[in-house]
Amino acid sequence: MRHIISVLVENKFGVLARVAGLFSGRGYNIDSLCVAPTDDPTVSRMTIVTAGDEKIIEQIEKQLNKLVDTIKVSDLTHTTHVERELLLVKVRHKGKRSEVIEIADIFRAKIIDVAKDYITLEMTGDEEKLSGLIDLLKSFEIVELIRTGKVAITRAEK
């Protein structure tokens, strides 16, 4: 099962390398990894998507907590949370620009660059929504595609 692990760490040189080394050293795979400073510039948040059973995830959490620069580790998988990815995709429209624009509108993607034969789109959403857009754009020529991987945050209590 895939898990989304949120890790608050001190924003210091080498922390990312130590976290990546922890995963590779134990043979665990990282499906996606996003890292950025929080509202406190001395703290960064890592959002790590990985796969494993409960025992493996528990081991990952314990190992992450042992790292000196770790502040807090949370598995968001079984909590109520919101997750998003960012997609940038450049499409050669082959003279069918209006069709690409129509698909972009349906998915609420933004057109961020237009050239003679190309359109570049930006979209945020969950994994399924982004994959749906990509599937429809495959009938054109996808020249370049970049996805961020997941970022996630717990929902506020109502």
N, C-alpha and C. Protein backbone atom coordinates (compact mmCIF):
# COMPACT_ATOMS: atom_id res chain seq x y z
N MET A 1 0.83 -1.18 0.00
CA MET A 1 0.00 0.00 0.00
C MET A 1 0.88 1.25 0.00
N ARG A 2 0.44 2.26 -0.74
CA ARG A 2 1.19 3.51 -0.79
C ARG A 2 0.87 4.37 0.43
N HIS A 3 1.89 5.00 0.97
CA HIS A 3 1.74 5.86 2.14
C HIS A 3 2.32 7.24 1.84
N ILE A 4 1.69 8.25 2.41
CA ILE A 4 2.18 9.62 2.31
C ILE A 4 2.73 9.99 3.68
N ILE A 5 4.03 10.21 3.74
CA ILE A 5 4.69 10.52 5.01
C ILE A 5 5.15 11.98 4.96
N SER A 6 4.71 12.74 5.95
CA SER A 6 5.09 14.15 6.08
C SER A 6 6.16 14.24 7.15
N VAL A 7 7.28 14.87 6.81
CA VAL A 7 8.40 14.96 7.74
C VAL A 7 8.84 16.41 7.87
N LEU A 8 8.77 16.94 9.08
CA LEU A 8 9.33 18.26 9.36
C LEU A 8 10.78 18.07 9.76
N VAL A 9 11.68 18.79 9.10
CA VAL A 9 13.11 18.67 9.37
C VAL A 9 13.72 20.06 9.49
N GLU A 10 14.86 20.12 10.13
CA GLU A 10 15.60 21.37 10.17
C GLU A 10 16.09 21.66 8.76
N ASN A 11 15.98 22.91 8.35
CA ASN A 11 16.38 23.32 7.00
C ASN A 11 17.89 23.53 6.97
N LYS A 12 18.61 22.42 6.87
CA LYS A 12 20.07 22.45 6.91
C LYS A 12 20.64 21.66 5.74
N PHE A 13 21.87 21.99 5.41
CA PHE A 13 22.62 21.29 4.38
C PHE A 13 22.76 19.82 4.74
N GLY A 14 22.46 18.93 3.78
CA GLY A 14 22.69 17.50 3.95
C GLY A 14 21.51 16.70 4.48
N VAL A 15 20.45 17.36 4.95
CA VAL A 15 19.32 16.63 5.52
C VAL A 15 18.65 15.76 4.45
N LEU A 16 18.43 16.32 3.28
CA LEU A 16 17.80 15.55 2.19
C LEU A 16 18.64 14.32 1.85
N ALA A 17 19.94 14.49 1.79
CA ALA A 17 20.82 13.36 1.47
C ALA A 17 20.72 12.27 2.54
N ARG A 18 20.62 12.67 3.81
CA ARG A 18 20.50 11.68 4.88
C ARG A 18 19.17 10.93 4.79
N VAL A 19 18.09 11.63 4.47
CA VAL A 19 16.79 10.97 4.34
C VAL A 19 16.81 10.02 3.15
N ALA A 20 17.32 10.48 2.01
CA ALA A 20 17.40 9.61 0.83
C ALA A 20 18.30 8.40 1.11
N GLY A 21 19.38 8.62 1.83
CA GLY A 21 20.29 7.53 2.19
C GLY A 21 19.63 6.51 3.10
N LEU A 22 18.78 6.99 3.99
CA LEU A 22 18.04 6.08 4.88
C LEU A 22 17.18 5.13 4.05
N PHE A 23 16.50 5.66 3.05
CA PHE A 23 15.64 4.83 2.20
C PHE A 23 16.47 3.87 1.35
N SER A 24 17.48 4.40 0.67
CA SER A 24 18.26 3.53 -0.22
C SER A 24 19.05 2.49 0.55
N GLY A 25 19.55 2.85 1.72
CA GLY A 25 20.34 1.93 2.52
C GLY A 25 19.54 0.73 3.02
N ARG A 26 18.24 0.89 3.11
CA ARG A 26 17.39 -0.21 3.59
C ARG A 26 16.59 -0.84 2.46
N GLY A 27 16.81 -0.39 1.24
CA GLY A 27 16.14 -0.97 0.09
C GLY A 27 14.70 -0.54 -0.09
N TYR A 28 14.33 0.62 0.49
CA TYR A 28 12.98 1.15 0.32
C TYR A 28 12.98 2.12 -0.85
N ASN A 29 11.89 2.12 -1.60
CA ASN A 29 11.79 3.02 -2.75
C ASN A 29 10.99 4.26 -2.38
N ILE A 30 11.38 5.39 -2.95
CA ILE A 30 10.62 6.63 -2.82
C ILE A 30 9.89 6.83 -4.14
N ASP A 31 8.55 6.81 -4.10
CA ASP A 31 7.76 7.03 -5.32
C ASP A 31 7.77 8.50 -5.71
N SER A 32 7.65 9.39 -4.73
CA SER A 32 7.82 10.82 -5.00
C SER A 32 8.29 11.51 -3.74
N LEU A 33 8.96 12.64 -3.93
CA LEU A 33 9.54 13.40 -2.83
C LEU A 33 9.47 14.87 -3.16
N CYS A 34 8.84 15.64 -2.29
CA CYS A 34 8.78 17.10 -2.43
C CYS A 34 9.32 17.70 -1.15
N VAL A 35 10.19 18.70 -1.30
CA VAL A 35 10.79 19.35 -0.15
C VAL A 35 10.77 20.85 -0.37
N ALA A 36 10.36 21.59 0.66
CA ALA A 36 10.39 23.06 0.58
C ALA A 36 10.35 23.62 1.99
N PRO A 37 10.88 24.84 2.17
CA PRO A 37 10.78 25.49 3.48
C PRO A 37 9.33 25.75 3.86
N THR A 38 9.06 25.80 5.16
CA THR A 38 7.72 26.12 5.66
C THR A 38 7.65 27.62 5.90
N ASP A 39 6.63 28.06 6.64
CA ASP A 39 6.54 29.48 6.98
C ASP A 39 7.70 29.90 7.88
N ASP A 40 8.34 28.95 8.54
CA ASP A 40 9.55 29.19 9.33
C ASP A 40 10.74 28.79 8.45
N PRO A 41 11.57 29.73 8.04
CA PRO A 41 12.67 29.40 7.11
C PRO A 41 13.72 28.44 7.67
N THR A 42 13.67 28.16 8.97
CA THR A 42 14.62 27.21 9.55
C THR A 42 14.09 25.77 9.51
N VAL A 43 12.83 25.61 9.03
CA VAL A 43 12.19 24.30 8.98
C VAL A 43 11.71 24.01 7.57
N SER A 44 11.94 22.79 7.09
CA SER A 44 11.43 22.35 5.79
C SER A 44 10.46 21.19 6.01
N ARG A 45 9.54 21.04 5.07
CA ARG A 45 8.63 19.90 5.09
C ARG A 45 8.94 19.01 3.90
N MET A 46 9.11 17.74 4.18
CA MET A 46 9.28 16.73 3.14
C MET A 46 7.98 15.95 3.04
N THR A 47 7.49 15.78 1.85
CA THR A 47 6.34 14.90 1.62
C THR A 47 6.87 13.74 0.81
N ILE A 48 6.87 12.57 1.42
CA ILE A 48 7.44 11.37 0.82
C ILE A 48 6.32 10.37 0.55
N VAL A 49 6.24 9.90 -0.67
CA VAL A 49 5.30 8.84 -1.01
C VAL A 49 6.12 7.57 -1.21
N THR A 50 5.75 6.54 -0.47
CA THR A 50 6.46 5.27 -0.54
C THR A 50 5.45 4.14 -0.39
N ALA A 51 5.88 2.94 -0.66
CA ALA A 51 4.98 1.79 -0.57
C ALA A 51 5.53 0.80 0.44
N GLY A 52 4.60 0.13 1.11
CA GLY A 52 5.01 -0.90 2.05
C GLY A 52 3.86 -1.28 2.95
N ASP A 53 4.02 -2.42 3.60
CA ASP A 53 3.00 -2.83 4.56
C ASP A 53 3.20 -2.03 5.85
N GLU A 54 2.32 -2.25 6.82
CA GLU A 54 2.36 -1.47 8.06
C GLU A 54 3.69 -1.63 8.79
N LYS A 55 4.26 -2.83 8.76
CA LYS A 55 5.53 -3.07 9.44
C LYS A 55 6.66 -2.26 8.81
N ILE A 56 6.71 -2.22 7.48
CA ILE A 56 7.75 -1.46 6.79
C ILE A 56 7.58 0.03 7.06
N ILE A 57 6.34 0.53 6.99
CA ILE A 57 6.09 1.96 7.22
C ILE A 57 6.45 2.34 8.65
N GLU A 58 6.13 1.46 9.60
CA GLU A 58 6.49 1.71 11.00
C GLU A 58 8.02 1.80 11.14
N GLN A 59 8.73 0.92 10.45
CA GLN A 59 10.20 0.93 10.49
C GLN A 59 10.74 2.22 9.88
N ILE A 60 10.17 2.66 8.74
CA ILE A 60 10.59 3.91 8.10
C ILE A 60 10.39 5.07 9.07
N GLU A 61 9.22 5.12 9.71
CA GLU A 61 8.94 6.22 10.65
C GLU A 61 9.93 6.22 11.80
N LYS A 62 10.24 5.04 12.35
CA LYS A 62 11.21 4.96 13.45
C LYS A 62 12.59 5.44 13.01
N GLN A 63 13.00 5.02 11.81
CA GLN A 63 14.32 5.42 11.31
C GLN A 63 14.37 6.93 11.04
N LEU A 64 13.29 7.48 10.49
CA LEU A 64 13.24 8.93 10.25
C LEU A 64 13.32 9.70 11.57
N ASN A 65 12.63 9.20 12.59
CA ASN A 65 12.65 9.87 13.90
C ASN A 65 14.03 9.82 14.56
N LYS A 66 14.86 8.84 14.18
CA LYS A 66 16.21 8.74 14.74
C LYS A 66 17.17 9.77 14.15
N LEU A 67 16.84 10.30 12.98
CA LEU A 67 17.74 11.29 12.36
C LEU A 67 17.78 12.55 13.22
N VAL A 68 18.95 13.10 13.43
CA VAL A 68 19.15 14.24 14.31
C VAL A 68 18.32 15.45 13.89
N ASP A 69 18.21 15.69 12.59
CA ASP A 69 17.54 16.90 12.11
C ASP A 69 16.02 16.75 11.97
N THR A 70 15.47 15.61 12.33
CA THR A 70 14.03 15.39 12.22
C THR A 70 13.31 16.04 13.40
N ILE A 71 12.25 16.78 13.08
CA ILE A 71 11.43 17.42 14.10
C ILE A 71 10.16 16.60 14.36
N LYS A 72 9.48 16.19 13.30
CA LYS A 72 8.22 15.44 13.45
C LYS A 72 7.97 14.59 12.21
N VAL A 73 7.48 13.37 12.41
CA VAL A 73 7.12 12.46 11.32
C VAL A 73 5.65 12.10 11.46
N SER A 74 4.90 12.22 10.36
CA SER A 74 3.47 11.88 10.37
C SER A 74 3.13 11.08 9.12
N ASP A 75 2.43 9.96 9.31
CA ASP A 75 1.89 9.21 8.17
C ASP A 75 0.48 9.74 7.93
N LEU A 76 0.27 10.43 6.83
CA LEU A 76 -1.01 11.07 6.53
C LEU A 76 -2.01 10.12 5.88
N THR A 77 -1.57 8.93 5.53
CA THR A 77 -2.37 8.01 4.75
C THR A 77 -3.74 7.73 5.35
N HIS A 78 -3.80 7.52 6.65
CA HIS A 78 -5.06 7.16 7.29
C HIS A 78 -5.72 8.34 8.01
N THR A 79 -5.27 9.55 7.72
CA THR A 79 -5.89 10.75 8.28
C THR A 79 -6.71 11.43 7.19
N THR A 80 -7.61 12.32 7.59
CA THR A 80 -8.30 13.11 6.57
C THR A 80 -7.33 14.20 6.13
N HIS A 81 -7.04 14.19 4.85
CA HIS A 81 -6.06 15.14 4.32
C HIS A 81 -6.41 15.51 2.89
N VAL A 82 -5.74 16.53 2.41
CA VAL A 82 -5.87 16.96 1.02
C VAL A 82 -4.51 16.76 0.38
N GLU A 83 -4.51 16.19 -0.82
CA GLU A 83 -3.24 16.01 -1.54
C GLU A 83 -3.37 16.55 -2.95
N ARG A 84 -2.29 17.09 -3.45
CA ARG A 84 -2.26 17.66 -4.80
C ARG A 84 -0.92 17.39 -5.44
N GLU A 85 -0.94 17.41 -6.78
CA GLU A 85 0.27 17.37 -7.59
C GLU A 85 0.20 18.52 -8.57
N LEU A 86 1.33 18.93 -9.06
CA LEU A 86 1.41 19.94 -10.11
C LEU A 86 1.92 19.26 -11.37
N LEU A 87 1.29 19.59 -12.50
CA LEU A 87 1.68 19.05 -13.80
C LEU A 87 1.97 20.20 -14.74
N LEU A 88 3.08 20.13 -15.43
CA LEU A 88 3.39 21.00 -16.57
C LEU A 88 3.54 20.09 -17.77
N VAL A 89 2.83 20.40 -18.86
CA VAL A 89 2.90 19.54 -20.04
C VAL A 89 2.92 20.39 -21.31
N LYS A 90 3.90 20.10 -22.16
CA LYS A 90 4.02 20.79 -23.45
C LYS A 90 3.52 19.86 -24.54
N VAL A 91 2.56 20.34 -25.35
CA VAL A 91 1.90 19.51 -26.36
C VAL A 91 2.10 20.13 -27.73
N ARG A 92 2.48 19.31 -28.71
CA ARG A 92 2.47 19.74 -30.11
C ARG A 92 1.06 19.47 -30.59
N HIS A 93 0.32 20.52 -30.94
CA HIS A 93 -1.11 20.37 -31.21
C HIS A 93 -1.46 19.95 -32.63
N LYS A 94 -0.50 19.92 -33.53
CA LYS A 94 -0.70 19.42 -34.90
C LYS A 94 -1.88 20.11 -35.60
N GLY A 95 -1.98 21.43 -35.41
CA GLY A 95 -3.05 22.19 -36.06
C GLY A 95 -4.40 22.08 -35.39
N LYS A 96 -4.46 21.41 -34.26
CA LYS A 96 -5.72 21.23 -33.55
C LYS A 96 -5.67 21.96 -32.21
N ARG A 97 -5.22 23.21 -32.25
CA ARG A 97 -5.06 24.01 -31.04
C ARG A 97 -6.37 24.12 -30.25
N SER A 98 -7.48 24.34 -30.96
CA SER A 98 -8.76 24.52 -30.27
C SER A 98 -9.17 23.26 -29.50
N GLU A 99 -8.81 22.08 -30.01
CA GLU A 99 -9.13 20.85 -29.31
C GLU A 99 -8.33 20.74 -28.00
N VAL A 100 -7.07 21.13 -28.04
CA VAL A 100 -6.24 21.11 -26.84
C VAL A 100 -6.78 22.11 -25.82
N ILE A 101 -7.18 23.29 -26.30
CA ILE A 101 -7.75 24.31 -25.41
C ILE A 101 -9.05 23.82 -24.78
N GLU A 102 -9.86 23.12 -25.55
CA GLU A 102 -11.12 22.58 -25.02
C GLU A 102 -10.86 21.54 -23.93
N ILE A 103 -9.88 20.67 -24.16
CA ILE A 103 -9.51 19.67 -23.14
C ILE A 103 -9.00 20.37 -21.89
N ALA A 104 -8.18 21.40 -22.09
CA ALA A 104 -7.65 22.16 -20.94
C ALA A 104 -8.79 22.77 -20.14
N ASP A 105 -9.79 23.32 -20.82
CA ASP A 105 -10.94 23.92 -20.13
C ASP A 105 -11.70 22.88 -19.31
N ILE A 106 -11.92 21.72 -19.89
CA ILE A 106 -12.65 20.66 -19.19
C ILE A 106 -11.95 20.29 -17.88
N PHE A 107 -10.62 20.24 -17.90
CA PHE A 107 -9.84 19.85 -16.72
C PHE A 107 -9.42 21.04 -15.87
N ARG A 108 -9.84 22.23 -16.26
CA ARG A 108 -9.47 23.48 -15.57
C ARG A 108 -7.96 23.66 -15.51
N ALA A 109 -7.30 23.28 -16.58
CA ALA A 109 -5.86 23.50 -16.70
C ALA A 109 -5.64 24.90 -17.24
N LYS A 110 -4.53 25.51 -16.84
CA LYS A 110 -4.19 26.84 -17.32
C LYS A 110 -3.25 26.73 -18.52
N ILE A 111 -3.48 27.58 -19.50
CA ILE A 111 -2.55 27.68 -20.62
C ILE A 111 -1.49 28.69 -20.19
N ILE A 112 -0.24 28.23 -20.09
CA ILE A 112 0.80 29.13 -19.60
C ILE A 112 1.80 29.55 -20.67
N ASP A 113 1.72 28.90 -21.85
CA ASP A 113 2.59 29.31 -22.96
C ASP A 113 1.99 28.80 -24.25
N VAL A 114 2.03 29.65 -25.26
CA VAL A 114 1.53 29.29 -26.59
C VAL A 114 2.59 29.68 -27.61
N ALA A 115 2.89 28.76 -28.50
CA ALA A 115 3.78 29.02 -29.62
C ALA A 115 3.06 28.54 -30.88
N LYS A 116 3.72 28.69 -32.02
CA LYS A 116 3.08 28.35 -33.28
C LYS A 116 2.51 26.93 -33.30
N ASP A 117 3.29 25.96 -32.86
CA ASP A 117 2.87 24.56 -32.92
C ASP A 117 2.68 23.91 -31.55
N TYR A 118 2.89 24.67 -30.48
CA TYR A 118 2.90 24.10 -29.14
C TYR A 118 1.99 24.87 -28.19
N ILE A 119 1.47 24.15 -27.21
CA ILE A 119 0.75 24.75 -26.08
C ILE A 119 1.30 24.09 -24.82
N THR A 120 1.59 24.91 -23.82
CA THR A 120 2.04 24.40 -22.54
C THR A 120 0.95 24.65 -21.50
N LEU A 121 0.59 23.58 -20.78
CA LEU A 121 -0.48 23.65 -19.80
C LEU A 121 0.07 23.43 -18.39
N GLU A 122 -0.63 24.01 -17.44
CA GLU A 122 -0.33 23.80 -16.02
C GLU A 122 -1.61 23.35 -15.35
N MET A 123 -1.50 22.34 -14.49
CA MET A 123 -2.68 21.88 -13.79
C MET A 123 -2.29 21.33 -12.42
N THR A 124 -3.12 21.61 -11.42
CA THR A 124 -2.97 20.99 -10.12
C THR A 124 -4.20 20.12 -9.87
N GLY A 125 -3.99 19.06 -9.13
CA GLY A 125 -5.10 18.18 -8.81
C GLY A 125 -4.58 16.90 -8.20
N ASP A 126 -5.50 15.95 -8.04
CA ASP A 126 -5.06 14.66 -7.51
C ASP A 126 -4.49 13.83 -8.65
N GLU A 127 -3.89 12.73 -8.28
CA GLU A 127 -3.18 11.87 -9.24
C GLU A 127 -4.09 11.42 -10.39
N GLU A 128 -5.33 11.05 -10.08
CA GLU A 128 -6.24 10.56 -11.10
C GLU A 128 -6.61 11.64 -12.11
N LYS A 129 -6.84 12.86 -11.61
CA LYS A 129 -7.20 13.97 -12.50
C LYS A 129 -6.06 14.28 -13.47
N LEU A 130 -4.83 14.33 -12.95
CA LEU A 130 -3.69 14.60 -13.81
C LEU A 130 -3.50 13.49 -14.83
N SER A 131 -3.67 12.26 -14.40
CA SER A 131 -3.53 11.12 -15.32
C SER A 131 -4.60 11.16 -16.41
N GLY A 132 -5.81 11.59 -16.04
CA GLY A 132 -6.89 11.72 -17.03
C GLY A 132 -6.56 12.73 -18.11
N LEU A 133 -6.00 13.88 -17.72
CA LEU A 133 -5.59 14.88 -18.70
C LEU A 133 -4.49 14.34 -19.60
N ILE A 134 -3.52 13.69 -19.01
CA ILE A 134 -2.41 13.13 -19.79
C ILE A 134 -2.94 12.12 -20.80
N ASP A 135 -3.85 11.26 -20.39
CA ASP A 135 -4.41 10.25 -21.30
C ASP A 135 -5.07 10.91 -22.51
N LEU A 136 -5.83 11.99 -22.30
CA LEU A 136 -6.47 12.67 -23.42
C LEU A 136 -5.47 13.39 -24.32
N LEU A 137 -4.40 13.90 -23.73
CA LEU A 137 -3.40 14.62 -24.52
C LEU A 137 -2.50 13.67 -25.32
N LYS A 138 -2.53 12.40 -25.03
CA LYS A 138 -1.70 11.44 -25.76
C LYS A 138 -2.10 11.34 -27.24
N SER A 139 -3.34 11.73 -27.56
CA SER A 139 -3.75 11.69 -28.97
C SER A 139 -3.06 12.80 -29.77
N PHE A 140 -2.47 13.75 -29.07
CA PHE A 140 -1.61 14.75 -29.70
C PHE A 140 -0.19 14.28 -29.45
N GLU A 141 0.77 15.13 -29.54
CA GLU A 141 2.14 14.72 -29.23
C GLU A 141 2.60 15.43 -27.96
N ILE A 142 2.80 14.67 -26.90
CA ILE A 142 3.35 15.24 -25.67
C ILE A 142 4.85 15.34 -25.86
N VAL A 143 5.34 16.57 -25.85
CA VAL A 143 6.76 16.82 -26.09
C VAL A 143 7.55 16.74 -24.79
N GLU A 144 6.95 17.27 -23.73
CA GLU A 144 7.62 17.27 -22.43
C GLU A 144 6.56 17.26 -21.34
N LEU A 145 6.85 16.54 -20.26
CA LEU A 145 5.89 16.40 -19.17
C LEU A 145 6.65 16.37 -17.86
N ILE A 146 6.21 17.18 -16.90
CA ILE A 146 6.82 17.21 -15.58
C ILE A 146 5.73 17.17 -14.53
N ARG A 147 5.88 16.27 -13.55
CA ARG A 147 4.96 16.20 -12.41
C ARG A 147 5.77 16.38 -11.13
N THR A 148 5.17 17.05 -10.16
CA THR A 148 5.89 17.30 -8.91
C THR A 148 5.89 16.11 -7.97
N GLY A 149 4.92 15.25 -8.06
CA GLY A 149 4.70 14.29 -6.99
C GLY A 149 3.76 14.93 -5.99
N LYS A 150 3.34 14.17 -5.00
CA LYS A 150 2.31 14.65 -4.07
C LYS A 150 2.86 15.62 -3.04
N VAL A 151 2.03 16.59 -2.70
CA VAL A 151 2.16 17.35 -1.48
C VAL A 151 0.84 17.15 -0.75
N ALA A 152 0.87 17.14 0.56
CA ALA A 152 -0.35 16.84 1.32
C ALA A 152 -0.37 17.63 2.62
N ILE A 153 -1.59 17.89 3.09
CA ILE A 153 -1.79 18.58 4.35
C ILE A 153 -3.05 18.02 5.01
N THR A 154 -3.03 17.92 6.33
CA THR A 154 -4.21 17.41 7.01
C THR A 154 -5.33 18.43 6.93
N ARG A 155 -6.55 17.93 6.92
CA ARG A 155 -7.71 18.81 6.91
C ARG A 155 -7.92 19.39 8.31
N ALA A 156 -8.43 20.61 8.34
CA ALA A 156 -8.76 21.23 9.62
C ALA A 156 -10.02 20.57 10.18
N GLU A 157 -10.10 20.50 11.48
CA GLU A 157 -11.30 19.96 12.12
C GLU A 157 -12.44 20.94 11.94
N LYS A 158 -13.65 20.40 11.72
CA LYS A 158 -14.80 21.26 11.49
C LYS A 158 -15.49 21.61 12.78
